[in-house]
Amino acid sequence: MSAMTYQVAAFYQFAPLPDFRGLREPLRALCAGLKLKGSVLLAHEGINGTLAGEACAIGELVGELRDGALFGGRLDNLE
């Protein structure tokens, strides 16, 4: 039995997200598909979250947030 490597990602960025309500379900589905656990807050002002999961899943999420179609490059300074 191999040990899994888990990571925690705590992230935020102030960015205009006037469409934040429409982003909630696609983001929830993405996180569920990656088997991530935690919380993400979306608002007009930006995003704030803490999620945990397998290291590769965290990497996929961060890539999607920064470069994926869902946020269209608006989270390019994700901390």
PDB file of N, CA and C in Angstrom:
ATOM      1  N   MET A   1       0.849  -1.177   0.000  1.00  0.00           N
ATOM      2  CA  MET A   1       0.000   0.000   0.000  1.00  0.00           C
ATOM      3  C   MET A   1       0.893   1.239   0.000  1.00  0.00           C
ATOM      4  N   SER A   2       0.686   2.131  -0.961  1.00  0.00           N
ATOM      5  CA  SER A   2       1.506   3.335  -1.034  1.00  0.00           C
ATOM      6  C   SER A   2       0.821   4.477  -0.295  1.00  0.00           C
ATOM      7  N   ALA A   3       1.649   5.328   0.301  1.00  0.00           N
ATOM      8  CA  ALA A   3       1.121   6.486   1.018  1.00  0.00           C
ATOM      9  C   ALA A   3       0.798   7.596   0.029  1.00  0.00           C
ATOM     10  N   MET A   4      -0.324   8.253   0.246  1.00  0.00           N
ATOM     11  CA  MET A   4      -0.705   9.385  -0.598  1.00  0.00           C
ATOM     12  C   MET A   4      -0.109  10.653  -0.010  1.00  0.00           C
ATOM     13  N   THR A   5       0.236  11.576  -0.880  1.00  0.00           N
ATOM     14  CA  THR A   5       0.749  12.864  -0.446  1.00  0.00           C
ATOM     15  C   THR A   5      -0.364  13.886  -0.558  1.00  0.00           C
ATOM     16  N   TYR A   6      -0.690  14.498   0.565  1.00  0.00           N
ATOM     17  CA  TYR A   6      -1.736  15.507   0.592  1.00  0.00           C
ATOM     18  C   TYR A   6      -1.120  16.885   0.763  1.00  0.00           C
ATOM     19  N   GLN A   7      -1.797  17.866   0.219  1.00  0.00           N
ATOM     20  CA  GLN A   7      -1.380  19.254   0.365  1.00  0.00           C
ATOM     21  C   GLN A   7      -2.580  20.089   0.773  1.00  0.00           C
ATOM     22  N   VAL A   8      -2.279  21.225   1.370  1.00  0.00           N
ATOM     23  CA  VAL A   8      -3.294  22.228   1.675  1.00  0.00           C
ATOM     24  C   VAL A   8      -2.933  23.470   0.883  1.00  0.00           C
ATOM     25  N   ALA A   9      -3.906  24.028   0.206  1.00  0.00           N
ATOM     26  CA  ALA A   9      -3.716  25.273  -0.532  1.00  0.00           C
ATOM     27  C   ALA A   9      -4.595  26.343   0.099  1.00  0.00           C
ATOM     28  N   ALA A  10      -3.966  27.411   0.565  1.00  0.00           N
ATOM     29  CA  ALA A  10      -4.691  28.585   1.064  1.00  0.00           C
ATOM     30  C   ALA A  10      -4.399  29.698   0.059  1.00  0.00           C
ATOM     31  N   PHE A  11      -5.434  30.301  -0.489  1.00  0.00           N
ATOM     32  CA  PHE A  11      -5.222  31.244  -1.582  1.00  0.00           C
ATOM     33  C   PHE A  11      -6.250  32.362  -1.554  1.00  0.00           C
ATOM     34  N   TYR A  12      -5.865  33.484  -2.154  1.00  0.00           N
ATOM     35  CA  TYR A  12      -6.797  34.597  -2.318  1.00  0.00           C
ATOM     36  C   TYR A  12      -6.305  35.488  -3.436  1.00  0.00           C
ATOM     37  N   GLN A  13      -7.199  36.259  -3.975  1.00  0.00           N
ATOM     38  CA  GLN A  13      -6.853  37.349  -4.874  1.00  0.00           C
ATOM     39  C   GLN A  13      -8.024  38.303  -4.955  1.00  0.00           C
ATOM     40  N   PHE A  14      -7.715  39.585  -4.804  1.00  0.00           N
ATOM     41  CA  PHE A  14      -8.705  40.615  -5.075  1.00  0.00           C
ATOM     42  C   PHE A  14      -8.731  40.804  -6.578  1.00  0.00           C
ATOM     43  N   ALA A  15      -9.891  40.591  -7.174  1.00  0.00           N
ATOM     44  CA  ALA A  15     -10.074  40.725  -8.618  1.00  0.00           C
ATOM     45  C   ALA A  15     -11.562  40.934  -8.873  1.00  0.00           C
ATOM     46  N   PRO A  16     -11.907  41.763  -9.831  1.00  0.00           N
ATOM     47  CA  PRO A  16     -13.328  41.955 -10.134  1.00  0.00           C
ATOM     48  C   PRO A  16     -13.963  40.660 -10.659  1.00  0.00           C
ATOM     49  N   LEU A  17     -14.952  40.167  -9.945  1.00  0.00           N
ATOM     50  CA  LEU A  17     -15.685  38.962 -10.353  1.00  0.00           C
ATOM     51  C   LEU A  17     -17.183  39.267 -10.326  1.00  0.00           C
ATOM     52  N   PRO A  18     -17.661  40.142 -11.207  1.00  0.00           N
ATOM     53  CA  PRO A  18     -19.090  40.467 -11.189  1.00  0.00           C
ATOM     54  C   PRO A  18     -19.978  39.261 -11.481  1.00  0.00           C
ATOM     55  N   ASP A  19     -19.407  38.228 -12.087  1.00  0.00           N
ATOM     56  CA  ASP A  19     -20.146  37.008 -12.417  1.00  0.00           C
ATOM     57  C   ASP A  19     -19.939  35.892 -11.389  1.00  0.00           C
ATOM     58  N   PHE A  20     -19.561  36.262 -10.160  1.00  0.00           N
ATOM     59  CA  PHE A  20     -19.196  35.256  -9.163  1.00  0.00           C
ATOM     60  C   PHE A  20     -20.291  34.230  -8.913  1.00  0.00           C
ATOM     61  N   ARG A  21     -21.543  34.611  -8.986  1.00  0.00           N
ATOM     62  CA  ARG A  21     -22.631  33.640  -8.742  1.00  0.00           C
ATOM     63  C   ARG A  21     -22.620  32.527  -9.792  1.00  0.00           C
ATOM     64  N   GLY A  22     -22.347  32.871 -11.030  1.00  0.00           N
ATOM     65  CA  GLY A  22     -22.293  31.887 -12.099  1.00  0.00           C
ATOM     66  C   GLY A  22     -21.051  31.016 -12.065  1.00  0.00           C
ATOM     67  N   LEU A  23     -20.047  31.439 -11.314  1.00  0.00           N
ATOM     68  CA  LEU A  23     -18.803  30.670 -11.203  1.00  0.00           C
ATOM     69  C   LEU A  23     -18.878  29.611 -10.102  1.00  0.00           C
ATOM     70  N   ARG A  24     -19.814  29.780  -9.189  1.00  0.00           N
ATOM     71  CA  ARG A  24     -19.872  28.892  -8.010  1.00  0.00           C
ATOM     72  C   ARG A  24     -20.030  27.416  -8.381  1.00  0.00           C
ATOM     73  N   GLU A  25     -21.030  27.091  -9.170  1.00  0.00           N
ATOM     74  CA  GLU A  25     -21.295  25.676  -9.479  1.00  0.00           C
ATOM     75  C   GLU A  25     -20.178  25.045 -10.315  1.00  0.00           C
ATOM     76  N   PRO A  26     -19.679  25.706 -11.361  1.00  0.00           N
ATOM     77  CA  PRO A  26     -18.564  25.090 -12.097  1.00  0.00           C
ATOM     78  C   PRO A  26     -17.327  24.886 -11.212  1.00  0.00           C
ATOM     79  N   LEU A  27     -17.056  25.821 -10.301  1.00  0.00           N
ATOM     80  CA  LEU A  27     -15.913  25.665  -9.405  1.00  0.00           C
ATOM     81  C   LEU A  27     -16.160  24.532  -8.413  1.00  0.00           C
ATOM     82  N   ARG A  28     -17.389  24.441  -7.897  1.00  0.00           N
ATOM     83  CA  ARG A  28     -17.727  23.353  -6.968  1.00  0.00           C
ATOM     84  C   ARG A  28     -17.560  22.003  -7.660  1.00  0.00           C
ATOM     85  N   ALA A  29     -18.030  21.909  -8.903  1.00  0.00           N
ATOM     86  CA  ALA A  29     -17.912  20.662  -9.658  1.00  0.00           C
ATOM     87  C   ALA A  29     -16.449  20.315  -9.927  1.00  0.00           C
ATOM     88  N   LEU A  30     -15.639  21.313 -10.242  1.00  0.00           N
ATOM     89  CA  LEU A  30     -14.208  21.083 -10.458  1.00  0.00           C
ATOM     90  C   LEU A  30     -13.560  20.525  -9.192  1.00  0.00           C
ATOM     91  N   CYS A  31     -13.833  21.160  -8.061  1.00  0.00           N
ATOM     92  CA  CYS A  31     -13.248  20.709  -6.793  1.00  0.00           C
ATOM     93  C   CYS A  31     -13.735  19.310  -6.418  1.00  0.00           C
ATOM     94  N   ALA A  32     -15.009  19.037  -6.639  1.00  0.00           N
ATOM     95  CA  ALA A  32     -15.557  17.705  -6.340  1.00  0.00           C
ATOM     96  C   ALA A  32     -14.892  16.656  -7.228  1.00  0.00           C
ATOM     97  N   GLY A  33     -14.720  16.976  -8.508  1.00  0.00           N
ATOM     98  CA  GLY A  33     -14.076  16.046  -9.424  1.00  0.00           C
ATOM     99  C   GLY A  33     -12.633  15.748  -9.055  1.00  0.00           C
ATOM    100  N   LEU A  34     -11.974  16.726  -8.441  1.00  0.00           N
ATOM    101  CA  LEU A  34     -10.585  16.548  -8.001  1.00  0.00           C
ATOM    102  C   LEU A  34     -10.509  15.980  -6.577  1.00  0.00           C
ATOM    103  N   LYS A  35     -11.671  15.744  -5.966  1.00  0.00           N
ATOM    104  CA  LYS A  35     -11.777  15.204  -4.604  1.00  0.00           C
ATOM    105  C   LYS A  35     -11.107  16.114  -3.581  1.00  0.00           C
ATOM    106  N   LEU A  36     -11.285  17.416  -3.754  1.00  0.00           N
ATOM    107  CA  LEU A  36     -10.740  18.393  -2.817  1.00  0.00           C
ATOM    108  C   LEU A  36     -11.766  18.696  -1.741  1.00  0.00           C
ATOM    109  N   LYS A  37     -11.291  18.966  -0.550  1.00  0.00           N
ATOM    110  CA  LYS A  37     -12.152  19.291   0.586  1.00  0.00           C
ATOM    111  C   LYS A  37     -11.749  20.644   1.142  1.00  0.00           C
ATOM    112  N   GLY A  38     -12.728  21.433   1.567  1.00  0.00           N
ATOM    113  CA  GLY A  38     -12.445  22.723   2.165  1.00  0.00           C
ATOM    114  C   GLY A  38     -13.504  23.722   1.788  1.00  0.00           C
ATOM    115  N   SER A  39     -13.098  24.993   1.710  1.00  0.00           N
ATOM    116  CA  SER A  39     -14.063  26.033   1.364  1.00  0.00           C
ATOM    117  C   SER A  39     -13.429  27.057   0.439  1.00  0.00           C
ATOM    118  N   VAL A  40     -14.267  27.607  -0.415  1.00  0.00           N
ATOM    119  CA  VAL A  40     -13.873  28.685  -1.314  1.00  0.00           C
ATOM    120  C   VAL A  40     -14.980  29.722  -1.275  1.00  0.00           C
ATOM    121  N   LEU A  41     -14.600  30.964  -1.043  1.00  0.00           N
ATOM    122  CA  LEU A  41     -15.546  32.067  -1.047  1.00  0.00           C
ATOM    123  C   LEU A  41     -15.337  32.878  -2.314  1.00  0.00           C
ATOM    124  N   LEU A  42     -16.414  33.109  -3.037  1.00  0.00           N
ATOM    125  CA  LEU A  42     -16.392  33.950  -4.229  1.00  0.00           C
ATOM    126  C   LEU A  42     -17.280  35.156  -3.962  1.00  0.00           C
ATOM    127  N   ALA A  43     -16.799  36.326  -4.370  1.00  0.00           N
ATOM    128  CA  ALA A  43     -17.563  37.558  -4.195  1.00  0.00           C
ATOM    129  C   ALA A  43     -17.203  38.520  -5.318  1.00  0.00           C
ATOM    130  N   HIS A  44     -17.918  39.624  -5.373  1.00  0.00           N
ATOM    131  CA  HIS A  44     -17.609  40.656  -6.375  1.00  0.00           C
ATOM    132  C   HIS A  44     -16.133  41.043  -6.324  1.00  0.00           C
ATOM    133  N   GLU A  45     -15.557  41.011  -5.117  1.00  0.00           N
ATOM    134  CA  GLU A  45     -14.192  41.499  -4.890  1.00  0.00           C
ATOM    135  C   GLU A  45     -13.113  40.482  -5.199  1.00  0.00           C
ATOM    136  N   GLY A  46     -13.463  39.190  -5.340  1.00  0.00           N
ATOM    137  CA  GLY A  46     -12.430  38.192  -5.616  1.00  0.00           C
ATOM    138  C   GLY A  46     -12.714  36.838  -5.011  1.00  0.00           C
ATOM    139  N   ILE A  47     -11.637  36.119  -4.726  1.00  0.00           N
ATOM    140  CA  ILE A  47     -11.712  34.726  -4.283  1.00  0.00           C
ATOM    141  C   ILE A  47     -10.849  34.544  -3.038  1.00  0.00           C
ATOM    142  N   ASN A  48     -11.286  33.654  -2.138  1.00  0.00           N
ATOM    143  CA  ASN A  48     -10.535  33.321  -0.940  1.00  0.00           C
ATOM    144  C   ASN A  48     -10.867  31.875  -0.608  1.00  0.00           C
ATOM    145  N   GLY A  49      -9.863  31.049  -0.443  1.00  0.00           N
ATOM    146  CA  GLY A  49     -10.156  29.656  -0.165  1.00  0.00           C
ATOM    147  C   GLY A  49      -9.056  28.909   0.548  1.00  0.00           C
ATOM    148  N   THR A  50      -9.440  27.800   1.132  1.00  0.00           N
ATOM    149  CA  THR A  50      -8.516  26.829   1.718  1.00  0.00           C
ATOM    150  C   THR A  50      -9.039  25.455   1.343  1.00  0.00           C
ATOM    151  N   LEU A  51      -8.245  24.706   0.607  1.00  0.00           N
ATOM    152  CA  LEU A  51      -8.629  23.375   0.157  1.00  0.00           C
ATOM    153  C   LEU A  51      -7.512  22.387   0.441  1.00  0.00           C
ATOM    154  N   ALA A  52      -7.873  21.137   0.643  1.00  0.00           N
ATOM    155  CA  ALA A  52      -6.905  20.074   0.859  1.00  0.00           C
ATOM    156  C   ALA A  52      -7.224  18.919  -0.073  1.00  0.00           C
ATOM    157  N   GLY A  53      -6.165  18.224  -0.482  1.00  0.00           N
ATOM    158  CA  GLY A  53      -6.343  17.068  -1.341  1.00  0.00           C
ATOM    159  C   GLY A  53      -5.007  16.527  -1.782  1.00  0.00           C
ATOM    160  N   GLU A  54      -5.055  15.575  -2.699  1.00  0.00           N
ATOM    161  CA  GLU A  54      -3.808  15.015  -3.215  1.00  0.00           C
ATOM    162  C   GLU A  54      -3.017  16.114  -3.919  1.00  0.00           C
ATOM    163  N   ALA A  55      -1.711  16.029  -3.832  1.00  0.00           N
ATOM    164  CA  ALA A  55      -0.836  17.067  -4.376  1.00  0.00           C
ATOM    165  C   ALA A  55      -1.111  17.330  -5.856  1.00  0.00           C
ATOM    166  N   CYS A  56      -1.328  16.286  -6.632  1.00  0.00           N
ATOM    167  CA  CYS A  56      -1.573  16.478  -8.061  1.00  0.00           C
ATOM    168  C   CYS A  56      -2.898  17.195  -8.297  1.00  0.00           C
ATOM    169  N   ALA A  57      -3.895  16.948  -7.470  1.00  0.00           N
ATOM    170  CA  ALA A  57      -5.193  17.615  -7.612  1.00  0.00           C
ATOM    171  C   ALA A  57      -5.085  19.097  -7.258  1.00  0.00           C
ATOM    172  N   ILE A  58      -4.319  19.413  -6.232  1.00  0.00           N
ATOM    173  CA  ILE A  58      -4.093  20.817  -5.872  1.00  0.00           C
ATOM    174  C   ILE A  58      -3.401  21.528  -7.031  1.00  0.00           C
ATOM    175  N   GLY A  59      -2.423  20.878  -7.630  1.00  0.00           N
ATOM    176  CA  GLY A  59      -1.733  21.457  -8.781  1.00  0.00           C
ATOM    177  C   GLY A  59      -2.667  21.719  -9.942  1.00  0.00           C
ATOM    178  N   GLU A  60      -3.571  20.777 -10.209  1.00  0.00           N
ATOM    179  CA  GLU A  60      -4.556  20.969 -11.285  1.00  0.00           C
ATOM    180  C   GLU A  60      -5.480  22.146 -10.983  1.00  0.00           C
ATOM    181  N   LEU A  61      -5.923  22.253  -9.737  1.00  0.00           N
ATOM    182  CA  LEU A  61      -6.806  23.356  -9.364  1.00  0.00           C
ATOM    183  C   LEU A  61      -6.105  24.697  -9.539  1.00  0.00           C
ATOM    184  N   VAL A  62      -4.884  24.816  -9.035  1.00  0.00           N
ATOM    185  CA  VAL A  62      -4.154  26.078  -9.139  1.00  0.00           C
ATOM    186  C   VAL A  62      -3.956  26.454 -10.606  1.00  0.00           C
ATOM    187  N   GLY A  63      -3.623  25.478 -11.442  1.00  0.00           N
ATOM    188  CA  GLY A  63      -3.477  25.740 -12.869  1.00  0.00           C
ATOM    189  C   GLY A  63      -4.767  26.242 -13.485  1.00  0.00           C
ATOM    190  N   GLU A  64      -5.878  25.641 -13.111  1.00  0.00           N
ATOM    191  CA  GLU A  64      -7.183  26.064 -13.638  1.00  0.00           C
ATOM    192  C   GLU A  64      -7.535  27.467 -13.158  1.00  0.00           C
ATOM    193  N   LEU A  65      -7.296  27.756 -11.884  1.00  0.00           N
ATOM    194  CA  LEU A  65      -7.612  29.077 -11.364  1.00  0.00           C
ATOM    195  C   LEU A  65      -6.797  30.160 -12.067  1.00  0.00           C
ATOM    196  N   ARG A  66      -5.516  29.896 -12.274  1.00  0.00           N
ATOM    197  CA  ARG A  66      -4.631  30.906 -12.884  1.00  0.00           C
ATOM    198  C   ARG A  66      -4.829  31.032 -14.388  1.00  0.00           C
ATOM    199  N   ASP A  67      -4.944  29.901 -15.083  1.00  0.00           N
ATOM    200  CA  ASP A  67      -4.870  29.917 -16.548  1.00  0.00           C
ATOM    201  C   ASP A  67      -6.086  29.356 -17.265  1.00  0.00           C
ATOM    202  N   GLY A  68      -7.022  28.774 -16.534  1.00  0.00           N
ATOM    203  CA  GLY A  68      -8.132  28.078 -17.167  1.00  0.00           C
ATOM    204  C   GLY A  68      -9.226  29.005 -17.664  1.00  0.00           C
ATOM    205  N   ALA A  69     -10.133  28.424 -18.415  1.00  0.00           N
ATOM    206  CA  ALA A  69     -11.231  29.174 -19.026  1.00  0.00           C
ATOM    207  C   ALA A  69     -12.234  29.692 -18.000  1.00  0.00           C
ATOM    208  N   LEU A  70     -12.372  29.016 -16.868  1.00  0.00           N
ATOM    209  CA  LEU A  70     -13.393  29.399 -15.892  1.00  0.00           C
ATOM    210  C   LEU A  70     -13.239  30.856 -15.446  1.00  0.00           C
ATOM    211  N   PHE A  71     -12.020  31.259 -15.114  1.00  0.00           N
ATOM    212  CA  PHE A  71     -11.783  32.625 -14.656  1.00  0.00           C
ATOM    213  C   PHE A  71     -11.147  33.499 -15.736  1.00  0.00           C
ATOM    214  N   GLY A  72     -10.838  32.951 -16.868  1.00  0.00           N
ATOM    215  CA  GLY A  72     -10.371  33.716 -18.010  1.00  0.00           C
ATOM    216  C   GLY A  72      -9.161  34.595 -17.737  1.00  0.00           C
ATOM    217  N   GLY A  73      -8.222  34.105 -16.930  1.00  0.00           N
ATOM    218  CA  GLY A  73      -7.002  34.865 -16.654  1.00  0.00           C
ATOM    219  C   GLY A  73      -7.144  35.952 -15.607  1.00  0.00           C
ATOM    220  N   ARG A  74      -8.308  36.061 -14.980  1.00  0.00           N
ATOM    221  CA  ARG A  74      -8.504  37.121 -13.974  1.00  0.00           C
ATOM    222  C   ARG A  74      -7.794  36.840 -12.670  1.00  0.00           C
ATOM    223  N   LEU A  75      -7.359  35.592 -12.444  1.00  0.00           N
ATOM    224  CA  LEU A  75      -6.671  35.235 -11.198  1.00  0.00           C
ATOM    225  C   LEU A  75      -5.183  35.008 -11.452  1.00  0.00           C
ATOM    226  N   ASP A  76      -4.578  35.862 -12.225  1.00  0.00           N
ATOM    227  CA  ASP A  76      -3.176  35.693 -12.595  1.00  0.00           C
ATOM    228  C   ASP A  76      -2.205  36.089 -11.497  1.00  0.00           C
ATOM    229  N   ASN A  77      -2.674  36.716 -10.422  1.00  0.00           N
ATOM    230  CA  ASN A  77      -1.817  37.069  -9.282  1.00  0.00           C
ATOM    231  C   ASN A  77      -2.255  36.335  -8.025  1.00  0.00           C
ATOM    232  N   LEU A  78      -2.738  35.138  -8.194  1.00  0.00           N
ATOM    233  CA  LEU A  78      -3.228  34.336  -7.070  1.00  0.00           C
ATOM    234  C   LEU A  78      -2.117  34.150  -6.047  1.00  0.00           C
ATOM    235  N   GLU A  79      -2.418  34.478  -4.810  1.00  0.00           N
ATOM    236  CA  GLU A  79      -1.435  34.324  -3.725  1.00  0.00           C
ATOM    237  C   GLU A  79      -1.649  33.022  -3.005  1.00  0.00           C
TER     238      GLU A  79
END
